[in-house]
Every structure is written in C-alpha cells, then in structure tokens.
C-alpha cells in the first residue's frame, strides 16, 4: 500500500515545494456471519493533525501561494484516498476463501446449505442458479407419479348407489404411496380385531428367531385367524393383557385412531365386546405393514407365521380384499362381520389384507357400516376390491 502512495506524494511535494505529510492508513475489517454465508465489510480512517487557522501546510511558504498549495494538497489527498480505496478492496478480496486445486467456483458448502444469505456475490448467485435443485425431503417415490388412483371415479360412482358408509385405504408396497376413499368416524372392527390380538401376542412372546408361542397358544391363534373362532379370540384377548396391552402395542406400531373396547361382556350386546374396538383404514394399513416389512416389534418368524394363517383362512371366508383377484395370486387376509343392532339390519362388514402377485403388491383395508345384510356388505367390498385389483395393474 505504501508503494502505491509514494508516487502521488512525490508529485505533490514537487509541485508545492514542500513535503506533503502522508499519515499511515489503517484498514479495519469487519466480518459478520449470516446463516452460513460470510458478509465482509471494510472501512478506512486516517489519523493526523489538522492545520490551525491561518497556518500554512508548509513552513517558509509565502502567503500568496496558499490557494495554490491548498488546491494541490487537496489533489494529493484525493490521490491518497483513491489509492486507499483500491487497496481496501484488494484487502477485502484477499480475505475470500481460497479454492483448492480442482475445486469448483460455486459457493462453499455452508453457503449452499444456507436458507437465507445476505448480499451473495454475483458468482455465488450464478452458481446457485445453475446448480441442480436438491431433492425434496418428501419427494414422490419412483413410479408413484405415474400410478393411477386405484379407486378412481368408477369406485366413487359405484359406492354412491350403495347403502351404508364405506371407508378404504390402499398402500402400494412398490412406490410407498397410499390412497384413501371416503370420510367418516372410526368404525367397529368386528373380527378384524383378531389380527391386532395376534400381533400383540407375537410381540409379547417373540424372542430370538421364533414366535415364542406355546403349543396351546398356537392352536388358539390358528382357530382365531383361520376359522375366526370367537372363543379362541376371547381367550387370547385375556392372555395378552386385554385392552391396555393391545393399546400399548398399537402405539408402538403407529396406530393413532384405534380404541380397544373396554369390555368383553358388554351390557345389551349379544356378541363379544372386543368386536366393538374402533379403528380406521389407515390404522389397519399400519398394522398390516408390521407383517409385510421388517419390524422391530415382530421377529421374522412371527411375521411369517401370522401371514401363513391369513393365507389359510377357511374357504367360506375368502372374500373381501380378494375380490376379483386371480386364484394364482397370493392373498393374506382377515375379515370381520358383526350385526350391530340386530341380525336384520346395520351390519358391520370389514376386510383387510395383503395382495401380492400378478405385477401387483399392495395392502388394502375396507370398513363398511350400515349394511342392510351381511351379504350386502360382502358384495360391496368384493366389487370395490375387484376395481382396485384392475387399476393397480
């Protein structure tokens, strides 16, 4: 910096006939960091004596030459300030982060991560404008964007002409996408609650690589799932600890809107009260996912055991989410049916399960209430399931 000031100083001295006193210029750098980007500011200041009133800037100088000297001194000062400004800018630039050999000219990692950056340089703005956009944390899974809604307008049109209330959900295991149908309050589970009882039992007993079930528990589990036996379900409901333990398992499994029934023998209700446990299709999808994907709650042997029972339900109960599905395709399901207010009206008909094969791999849960008869509700779910099977292809 001083070499740059020597030339202007000598010129001013030669013109004025007296030495021009140049005082040292001290650049001060101020650094401020904002959200991962660094903003640099610089300021300059000069310290020196001010000439007193009526005193010249050079001893022995003639008064008549004062105006000329003032002008020349001013010109010299301007030269000093200009040189200082250039030097200050150079100093600011020299404080920039040096690029390693082979490094890009784009912004630093901190700058790229910054959400708000004050006064980015033109180079940084250009680099950001041409850099590829970062993927969204909730980016659409591969293939999901091109997959059709498995319910579609046809399903809505069909259900518009049916009695009762239908809620459904489909989860595609290939894309990770979920579709929903209908709106309403949680509905009674009827016998699909038996799957919740089984999973809670397996989670309580599971150790190491096995199921952990005793011979008697295995017999009861097979009767409960394959034949939908109510007495077996009641025995295992108590064996797992009832509503409190099932509620605890559900919380760990991610179910948020399922409420286990508080009674097994309920006043004024002829059927086992565990069937009055309420749930949503979304919660049933969460429960099914514990069986078809690696889970910290269930061992691999426990998951396969539960699915084997669901694949082997008695032939008279192979309806529901299996509707319209070819015989060679694997279907693991559990159905439920319950007359809520007498056998002649208001049937709760439900079906949940996993369909895998024929180029498809999905979970489906359907809850229907207000059906005028058991068969009416079964027909509704069968037809809806056939539409889903067709559109998932």
Protein backbone atom coordinates (compact mmCIF):
# COMPACT_ATOMS: atom_id res chain seq x y z
CA UNK A 1 0.00 0.00 0.00
CA UNK A 2 2.77 2.43 0.82
CA UNK A 3 4.46 1.89 -2.57
CA UNK A 4 1.23 2.94 -4.25
CA UNK A 5 1.15 6.19 -2.23
CA UNK A 6 4.81 7.17 -2.79
CA UNK A 7 4.30 8.38 -6.35
CA UNK A 8 1.41 10.81 -5.59
CA UNK A 9 3.27 12.10 -2.55
CA UNK A 10 6.42 12.96 -4.52
CA UNK A 11 4.40 14.72 -7.22
CA UNK A 12 2.55 16.83 -4.70
CA UNK A 13 5.80 17.75 -2.96
CA UNK A 14 7.44 18.70 -6.24
CA UNK A 15 4.58 20.97 -7.23
CA UNK A 16 4.09 22.66 -3.91
CA UNK A 17 7.73 22.94 -3.00
CA UNK A 18 7.19 21.40 0.41
CA UNK A 19 6.84 17.84 1.67
CA UNK A 20 3.31 16.55 1.89
CA UNK A 21 2.79 14.67 5.13
CA UNK A 22 1.06 11.42 4.49
CA UNK A 23 -0.18 9.63 7.58
CA UNK A 24 -0.49 5.88 7.79
CA UNK A 25 -3.86 4.50 6.63
CA UNK A 26 -5.24 1.63 8.68
CA UNK A 27 -7.91 -0.50 7.03
CA UNK A 28 -10.28 -2.09 9.51
CA UNK A 29 -12.06 -5.28 8.51
CA UNK A 30 -15.35 -6.26 9.96
CA UNK A 31 -16.71 -9.74 9.50
CA UNK A 32 -20.28 -10.82 10.01
CA UNK A 33 -21.66 -14.31 9.51
CA UNK A 34 -25.28 -14.76 8.48
CA UNK A 35 -26.88 -18.16 8.07
CA UNK A 36 -23.83 -19.90 6.68
CA UNK A 37 -22.65 -17.05 4.39
CA UNK A 38 -19.98 -14.50 5.25
CA UNK A 39 -20.54 -10.83 4.55
CA UNK A 40 -17.37 -8.76 4.62
CA UNK A 41 -17.34 -5.03 5.17
CA UNK A 42 -14.31 -2.69 5.29
CA UNK A 43 -13.88 0.86 6.48
CA UNK A 44 -10.94 3.21 6.26
CA UNK A 45 -9.87 6.06 8.51
CA UNK A 46 -6.92 8.46 8.69
CA UNK A 47 -5.34 9.94 11.76
CA UNK A 48 -3.40 13.23 11.57
CA UNK A 49 -3.05 16.88 12.73
CA UNK A 50 -5.33 19.50 11.35
CA UNK A 51 -3.66 22.83 10.37
CA UNK A 52 -4.54 25.71 12.63
CA UNK A 53 -6.32 28.80 11.46
CA UNK A 54 -4.05 30.98 9.35
CA UNK A 55 -1.24 28.43 9.32
CA UNK A 56 0.14 27.08 6.10
CA UNK A 57 0.73 23.45 5.50
CA UNK A 58 4.50 24.15 4.83
CA UNK A 59 6.89 26.26 6.87
CA UNK A 60 8.51 29.13 4.99
CA UNK A 61 5.87 29.18 2.29
CA UNK A 62 4.59 32.54 1.01
CA UNK A 63 1.02 33.51 1.94
CA UNK A 64 0.19 34.47 -1.62
CA UNK A 65 0.78 30.91 -2.72
CA UNK A 66 -1.59 29.48 -0.14
CA UNK A 67 -4.56 29.00 -2.52
CA UNK A 68 -2.40 27.06 -4.95
CA UNK A 69 -0.98 24.93 -2.18
CA UNK A 70 -4.44 24.20 -0.84
CA UNK A 71 -5.59 23.01 -4.24
CA UNK A 72 -2.54 20.84 -4.71
CA UNK A 73 -2.78 19.42 -1.23
CA UNK A 74 -6.42 18.58 -1.89
CA UNK A 75 -5.43 16.85 -5.13
CA UNK A 76 -2.81 14.84 -3.28
CA UNK A 77 -5.32 13.86 -0.60
CA UNK A 78 -7.72 12.68 -3.29
CA UNK A 79 -4.98 10.53 -4.75
CA UNK A 80 -4.30 9.07 -1.32
CA UNK A 81 -8.00 8.28 -0.73
CA UNK A 82 -8.39 6.70 -4.17
CA UNK A 83 -5.32 4.55 -3.66
CA UNK A 84 -6.55 3.58 -0.20
CA UNK A 85 -9.93 2.57 -1.56
CA UNK A 86 -8.32 0.31 -4.16
CA UNK A 87 -6.09 -1.18 -1.51
CA UNK A 88 -9.09 -1.73 0.77
CA UNK A 89 -10.98 -3.55 -1.95
CA UNK A 90 -7.93 -5.65 -2.66
CA UNK A 91 -7.64 -6.46 1.02
CA UNK A 92 -11.29 -7.48 1.15
CA UNK A 93 -10.86 -9.76 -1.83
CA UNK A 94 -7.77 -11.31 -0.33
CA UNK A 95 -9.85 -12.36 2.65
CA UNK A 96 -12.04 -14.60 0.46
CA UNK A 97 -11.74 -18.32 0.85
CA UNK A 98 -9.09 -19.71 -1.44
CA UNK A 99 -10.14 -22.52 -3.79
CA UNK A 100 -8.19 -25.73 -3.65
CA UNK A 101 -6.90 -27.12 -6.94
CA UNK A 102 -9.74 -28.73 -8.81
CA UNK A 103 -12.40 -27.09 -6.63
CA UNK A 104 -15.44 -25.55 -8.25
CA UNK A 105 -16.07 -21.84 -8.33
CA UNK A 106 -19.51 -22.23 -6.74
CA UNK A 107 -20.43 -21.20 -3.21
CA UNK A 108 -18.96 -23.01 -0.22
CA UNK A 109 -20.79 -25.89 1.46
CA UNK A 110 -22.02 -23.53 4.15
CA UNK A 111 -23.39 -21.13 1.56
CA UNK A 112 -25.17 -23.91 -0.31
CA UNK A 113 -26.85 -25.06 2.90
CA UNK A 114 -27.95 -21.54 3.77
CA UNK A 115 -31.63 -20.78 3.55
CA UNK A 116 -31.12 -17.03 3.87
CA UNK A 117 -27.90 -15.40 2.67
CA UNK A 118 -27.23 -11.70 2.82
CA UNK A 119 -25.76 -9.97 -0.24
CA UNK A 120 -24.47 -13.04 -2.15
CA UNK A 121 -21.84 -12.31 -4.74
CA UNK A 122 -22.68 -12.40 -8.42
CA UNK A 123 -20.56 -15.53 -8.81
CA UNK A 124 -22.41 -17.26 -5.97
CA UNK A 125 -25.79 -16.31 -7.44
CA UNK A 126 -24.75 -17.63 -10.82
CA UNK A 127 -23.52 -20.90 -9.34
CA UNK A 128 -26.71 -21.35 -7.37
CA UNK A 129 -28.84 -20.61 -10.42
CA UNK A 130 -27.07 -23.30 -12.45
CA UNK A 131 -26.70 -25.94 -9.73
CA UNK A 132 -29.19 -28.86 -9.79
CA UNK A 133 -32.11 -28.48 -7.40
CA UNK A 134 -31.87 -30.56 -4.21
CA UNK A 135 -34.49 -33.28 -3.87
CA UNK A 136 -37.42 -32.54 -1.62
CA UNK A 137 -37.48 -34.43 1.74
CA UNK A 138 -40.89 -35.68 0.64
CA UNK A 139 -40.05 -36.45 -2.95
CA UNK A 140 -42.55 -38.65 -4.85
CA UNK A 141 -41.33 -42.27 -4.74
CA UNK A 142 -40.19 -43.80 -8.01
CA UNK A 143 -43.13 -44.83 -10.15
CA UNK A 144 -45.73 -43.31 -7.84
CA UNK A 145 -46.43 -40.29 -10.02
CA UNK A 146 -47.48 -42.45 -12.99
CA UNK A 147 -49.65 -44.87 -10.96
CA UNK A 148 -53.38 -44.27 -11.13
CA UNK A 149 -55.66 -43.80 -8.16
CA UNK A 150 -56.81 -47.41 -7.59
CA UNK A 151 -60.26 -46.25 -6.52
CA UNK A 152 -60.92 -43.75 -9.31
CA UNK A 153 -64.20 -42.24 -10.45
CA UNK A 154 -65.73 -45.65 -11.11
CA UNK A 155 -65.43 -46.64 -7.44
CA UNK A 156 -66.97 -43.37 -6.29
CA UNK A 157 -69.82 -43.78 -8.75
CA UNK A 158 -70.43 -47.37 -7.65
CA UNK A 159 -70.48 -46.54 -3.94
CA UNK A 160 -72.81 -43.60 -4.50
CA UNK A 161 -75.53 -46.10 -5.29
CA UNK A 162 -74.82 -48.35 -2.28
CA UNK A 163 -76.27 -48.15 1.20
CA UNK A 164 -74.08 -47.60 4.23
CA UNK A 165 -70.75 -45.88 4.77
CA UNK A 166 -67.54 -47.16 3.18
CA UNK A 167 -64.02 -46.18 4.23
CA UNK A 168 -60.99 -47.67 2.49
CA UNK A 169 -57.25 -47.30 2.01
CA UNK A 170 -54.68 -48.87 -0.32
CA UNK A 171 -50.91 -48.85 0.22
CA UNK A 172 -48.65 -49.72 -2.71
CA UNK A 173 -45.54 -51.51 -1.40
CA UNK A 174 -43.60 -50.77 -4.59
CA UNK A 175 -43.99 -47.00 -4.55
CA UNK A 176 -44.80 -46.34 -0.89
CA UNK A 177 -47.89 -44.39 -1.90
CA UNK A 178 -51.24 -44.53 -0.08
CA UNK A 179 -54.71 -43.74 -1.43
CA UNK A 180 -57.83 -43.09 0.63
CA UNK A 181 -61.54 -43.43 -0.04
CA UNK A 182 -64.40 -41.93 1.96
CA UNK A 183 -64.58 -39.80 5.06
CA UNK A 184 -66.05 -40.57 8.44
CA UNK A 185 -65.51 -41.56 12.04
CA UNK A 186 -63.66 -44.74 13.09
CA UNK A 187 -65.83 -47.84 12.73
CA UNK A 188 -66.24 -51.03 14.75
CA UNK A 189 -63.64 -53.66 13.88
CA UNK A 190 -65.73 -56.82 14.31
CA UNK A 191 -63.42 -59.81 13.78
CA UNK A 192 -60.54 -57.98 12.10
CA UNK A 193 -59.52 -57.05 15.67
CA UNK A 194 -58.28 -60.64 15.91
CA UNK A 195 -55.29 -59.67 13.79
CA UNK A 196 -54.44 -56.98 16.36
CA UNK A 197 -54.73 -59.57 19.14
CA UNK A 198 -52.40 -61.93 17.25
CA UNK A 199 -49.75 -59.29 16.60
CA UNK A 200 -49.83 -58.16 20.23
CA UNK A 201 -49.42 -61.79 21.32
CA UNK A 202 -46.47 -62.34 18.97
CA UNK A 203 -44.81 -59.12 20.12
CA UNK A 204 -45.22 -60.16 23.79
CA UNK A 205 -43.93 -63.68 23.27
CA UNK A 206 -41.43 -63.23 20.47
CA UNK A 207 -37.79 -63.85 21.37
CA UNK A 208 -34.77 -64.69 19.26
CA UNK A 209 -35.73 -66.19 15.91
CA UNK A 210 -39.00 -67.90 16.84
CA UNK A 211 -42.60 -66.99 17.56
CA UNK A 212 -42.37 -67.69 21.28
CA UNK A 213 -45.87 -69.18 21.33
CA UNK A 214 -46.72 -72.25 23.35
CA UNK A 215 -48.48 -75.19 21.71
CA UNK A 216 -51.83 -74.14 23.20
CA UNK A 217 -51.36 -70.54 22.05
CA UNK A 218 -50.58 -71.72 18.53
CA UNK A 219 -53.76 -73.77 18.49
CA UNK A 220 -55.83 -70.82 19.68
CA UNK A 221 -54.16 -68.49 17.16
CA UNK A 222 -54.93 -70.84 14.28
CA UNK A 223 -58.58 -71.13 15.32
CA UNK A 224 -58.86 -67.36 15.78
CA UNK A 225 -57.44 -66.39 12.37
CA UNK A 226 -58.22 -69.33 10.06
CA UNK A 227 -61.74 -70.04 11.37
CA UNK A 228 -62.44 -66.66 13.06
CA UNK A 229 -63.37 -68.53 16.25
CA UNK A 230 -64.72 -66.14 18.88
CA UNK A 231 -63.95 -68.25 21.93
CA UNK A 232 -60.31 -68.57 20.88
CA UNK A 233 -60.17 -64.81 20.37
CA UNK A 234 -61.59 -64.16 23.84
CA UNK A 235 -59.01 -66.48 25.42
CA UNK A 236 -56.11 -64.73 23.67
CA UNK A 237 -57.57 -61.27 24.39
CA UNK A 238 -57.20 -62.03 28.07
CA UNK A 239 -53.85 -63.81 27.57
CA UNK A 240 -52.19 -60.73 26.09
CA UNK A 241 -53.45 -58.45 28.86
CA UNK A 242 -56.65 -57.11 27.33
CA UNK A 243 -57.28 -53.59 26.07
CA UNK A 244 -54.38 -51.97 27.94
CA UNK A 245 -51.67 -54.17 26.42
CA UNK A 246 -53.22 -54.02 22.95
CA UNK A 247 -53.35 -50.23 23.19
CA UNK A 248 -49.67 -50.18 24.16
CA UNK A 249 -48.71 -52.36 21.19
CA UNK A 250 -50.77 -50.20 18.83
CA UNK A 251 -48.96 -47.07 19.97
CA UNK A 252 -45.61 -48.66 19.16
CA UNK A 253 -46.93 -49.87 15.80
CA UNK A 254 -48.04 -46.38 14.77
CA UNK A 255 -51.81 -46.74 15.15
CA UNK A 256 -53.26 -43.41 16.22
CA UNK A 257 -57.06 -43.75 15.93
CA UNK A 258 -57.74 -47.26 17.19
CA UNK A 259 -59.55 -47.60 20.54
CA UNK A 260 -59.69 -51.12 22.04
CA UNK A 261 -63.03 -51.95 23.60
CA UNK A 262 -63.24 -51.53 27.37
CA UNK A 263 -65.48 -54.58 27.79
CA UNK A 264 -65.66 -58.16 26.59
CA UNK A 265 -69.08 -58.82 28.05
CA UNK A 266 -70.91 -55.59 27.30
CA UNK A 267 -74.42 -54.79 28.65
CA UNK A 268 -77.11 -55.05 25.99
CA UNK A 269 -74.75 -56.53 23.39
CA UNK A 270 -75.01 -60.21 22.48
CA UNK A 271 -71.58 -60.57 20.90
CA UNK A 272 -68.05 -60.42 22.36
CA UNK A 273 -67.30 -56.80 23.17
CA UNK A 274 -63.79 -56.83 21.67
CA UNK A 275 -65.58 -56.55 18.29
CA UNK A 276 -66.61 -53.02 19.27
CA UNK A 277 -63.00 -51.85 19.15
CA UNK A 278 -62.99 -48.92 16.70
CA UNK A 279 -60.41 -48.20 14.01
CA UNK A 280 -59.70 -46.56 10.63
CA UNK A 281 -58.42 -47.99 7.33
CA UNK A 282 -55.18 -46.05 7.79
CA UNK A 283 -54.53 -47.71 11.16
CA UNK A 284 -55.22 -51.11 9.65
CA UNK A 285 -52.67 -50.40 6.92
CA UNK A 286 -50.15 -49.58 9.67
CA UNK A 287 -50.96 -52.88 11.37
CA UNK A 288 -50.55 -54.84 8.12
CA UNK A 289 -47.21 -53.17 7.44
CA UNK A 290 -45.85 -54.71 10.65
CA UNK A 291 -46.30 -58.08 8.93
CA UNK A 292 -45.00 -57.41 5.42
CA UNK A 293 -41.97 -55.22 6.14
CA UNK A 294 -39.08 -55.74 8.60
CA UNK A 295 -40.29 -54.70 12.02
CA UNK A 296 -38.64 -54.00 15.35
CA UNK A 297 -41.80 -55.26 17.04
CA UNK A 298 -42.10 -58.69 15.42
CA UNK A 299 -39.48 -61.26 14.55
CA UNK A 300 -39.23 -62.60 11.01
CA UNK A 301 -40.61 -65.93 12.17
CA UNK A 302 -43.54 -64.21 13.87
CA UNK A 303 -44.39 -62.22 10.76
CA UNK A 304 -44.30 -65.27 8.52
CA UNK A 305 -46.37 -67.27 10.98
CA UNK A 306 -49.12 -64.65 11.07
CA UNK A 307 -49.17 -64.36 7.27
CA UNK A 308 -49.36 -68.15 6.89
CA UNK A 309 -52.54 -68.16 8.99
CA UNK A 310 -54.02 -65.32 6.95
CA UNK A 311 -53.29 -67.18 3.71
CA UNK A 312 -55.04 -70.27 5.04
CA UNK A 313 -58.43 -68.93 6.12
CA UNK A 314 -61.33 -71.31 5.64
CA UNK A 315 -62.72 -71.19 2.06
CA UNK A 316 -66.05 -69.69 3.13
CA UNK A 317 -64.19 -66.62 4.41
CA UNK A 318 -62.08 -65.94 1.30
CA UNK A 319 -63.94 -62.84 0.26
CA UNK A 320 -63.32 -59.11 0.66
CA UNK A 321 -59.96 -57.74 -0.47
CA UNK A 322 -59.53 -60.92 -2.52
CA UNK A 323 -62.46 -59.91 -4.75
CA UNK A 324 -61.54 -60.15 -8.43
CA UNK A 325 -58.03 -61.39 -7.67
CA UNK A 326 -56.89 -64.41 -9.75
CA UNK A 327 -56.51 -67.70 -7.86
CA UNK A 328 -52.75 -67.92 -8.50
CA UNK A 329 -52.09 -64.61 -6.71
CA UNK A 330 -51.15 -64.74 -3.03
CA UNK A 331 -53.73 -63.17 -0.69
CA UNK A 332 -53.32 -62.98 3.08
CA UNK A 333 -56.48 -61.57 4.70
CA UNK A 334 -58.72 -61.30 7.72
CA UNK A 335 -62.40 -60.44 7.53
CA UNK A 336 -64.96 -59.34 10.06
CA UNK A 337 -68.76 -59.25 10.20
CA UNK A 338 -70.98 -58.17 13.04
CA UNK A 339 -74.68 -57.20 13.38
CA UNK A 340 -74.55 -54.00 15.40
CA UNK A 341 -78.31 -53.63 16.02
CA UNK A 342 -79.88 -56.98 15.36
CA UNK A 343 -79.38 -59.52 12.60
CA UNK A 344 -81.83 -57.86 10.22
CA UNK A 345 -80.02 -54.50 9.82
CA UNK A 346 -76.91 -52.41 10.38
CA UNK A 347 -74.20 -54.92 9.65
CA UNK A 348 -70.54 -54.04 10.07
CA UNK A 349 -68.57 -55.77 7.32
CA UNK A 350 -64.77 -55.33 7.10
CA UNK A 351 -61.82 -56.81 5.21
CA UNK A 352 -58.06 -56.22 5.48
CA UNK A 353 -55.16 -57.96 3.77
CA UNK A 354 -52.13 -58.19 1.50
CA UNK A 355 -52.34 -58.93 -2.24
CA UNK A 356 -49.07 -59.95 -3.90
CA UNK A 357 -48.51 -61.28 -7.42
CA UNK A 358 -49.55 -60.65 -10.99
CA UNK A 359 -47.41 -57.50 -11.13
CA UNK A 360 -49.02 -56.07 -8.00
CA UNK A 361 -48.00 -55.74 -4.37
CA UNK A 362 -50.35 -53.80 -2.12
CA UNK A 363 -52.16 -53.67 1.20
CA UNK A 364 -55.86 -52.92 1.40
CA UNK A 365 -58.26 -52.16 4.24
CA UNK A 366 -62.02 -51.65 3.87
CA UNK A 367 -64.55 -50.81 6.60
CA UNK A 368 -68.27 -50.70 5.85
CA UNK A 369 -71.13 -49.98 8.21
CA UNK A 370 -74.90 -49.55 7.83
CA UNK A 371 -75.23 -52.57 5.53
CA UNK A 372 -78.80 -53.97 5.38
CA UNK A 373 -77.43 -57.52 5.45
CA UNK A 374 -74.19 -59.45 5.80
CA UNK A 375 -74.09 -60.46 2.15
CA UNK A 376 -74.81 -56.92 1.02
CA UNK A 377 -71.66 -55.69 2.73
CA UNK A 378 -69.61 -58.58 1.36
CA UNK A 379 -70.77 -57.79 -2.19
CA UNK A 380 -69.81 -54.14 -1.76
CA UNK A 381 -66.25 -54.97 -0.68
CA UNK A 382 -65.84 -57.69 -3.32
CA UNK A 383 -66.77 -55.28 -6.11
CA UNK A 384 -64.55 -52.49 -4.73
CA UNK A 385 -61.61 -54.90 -4.36
CA UNK A 386 -62.01 -56.04 -7.98
CA UNK A 387 -61.80 -52.43 -9.15
CA UNK A 388 -58.63 -51.88 -7.13
CA UNK A 389 -57.03 -55.04 -8.48
CA UNK A 390 -57.74 -53.97 -12.06
CA UNK A 391 -56.44 -50.41 -11.63
CA UNK A 392 -53.29 -51.38 -9.72
CA UNK A 393 -52.03 -53.28 -12.77
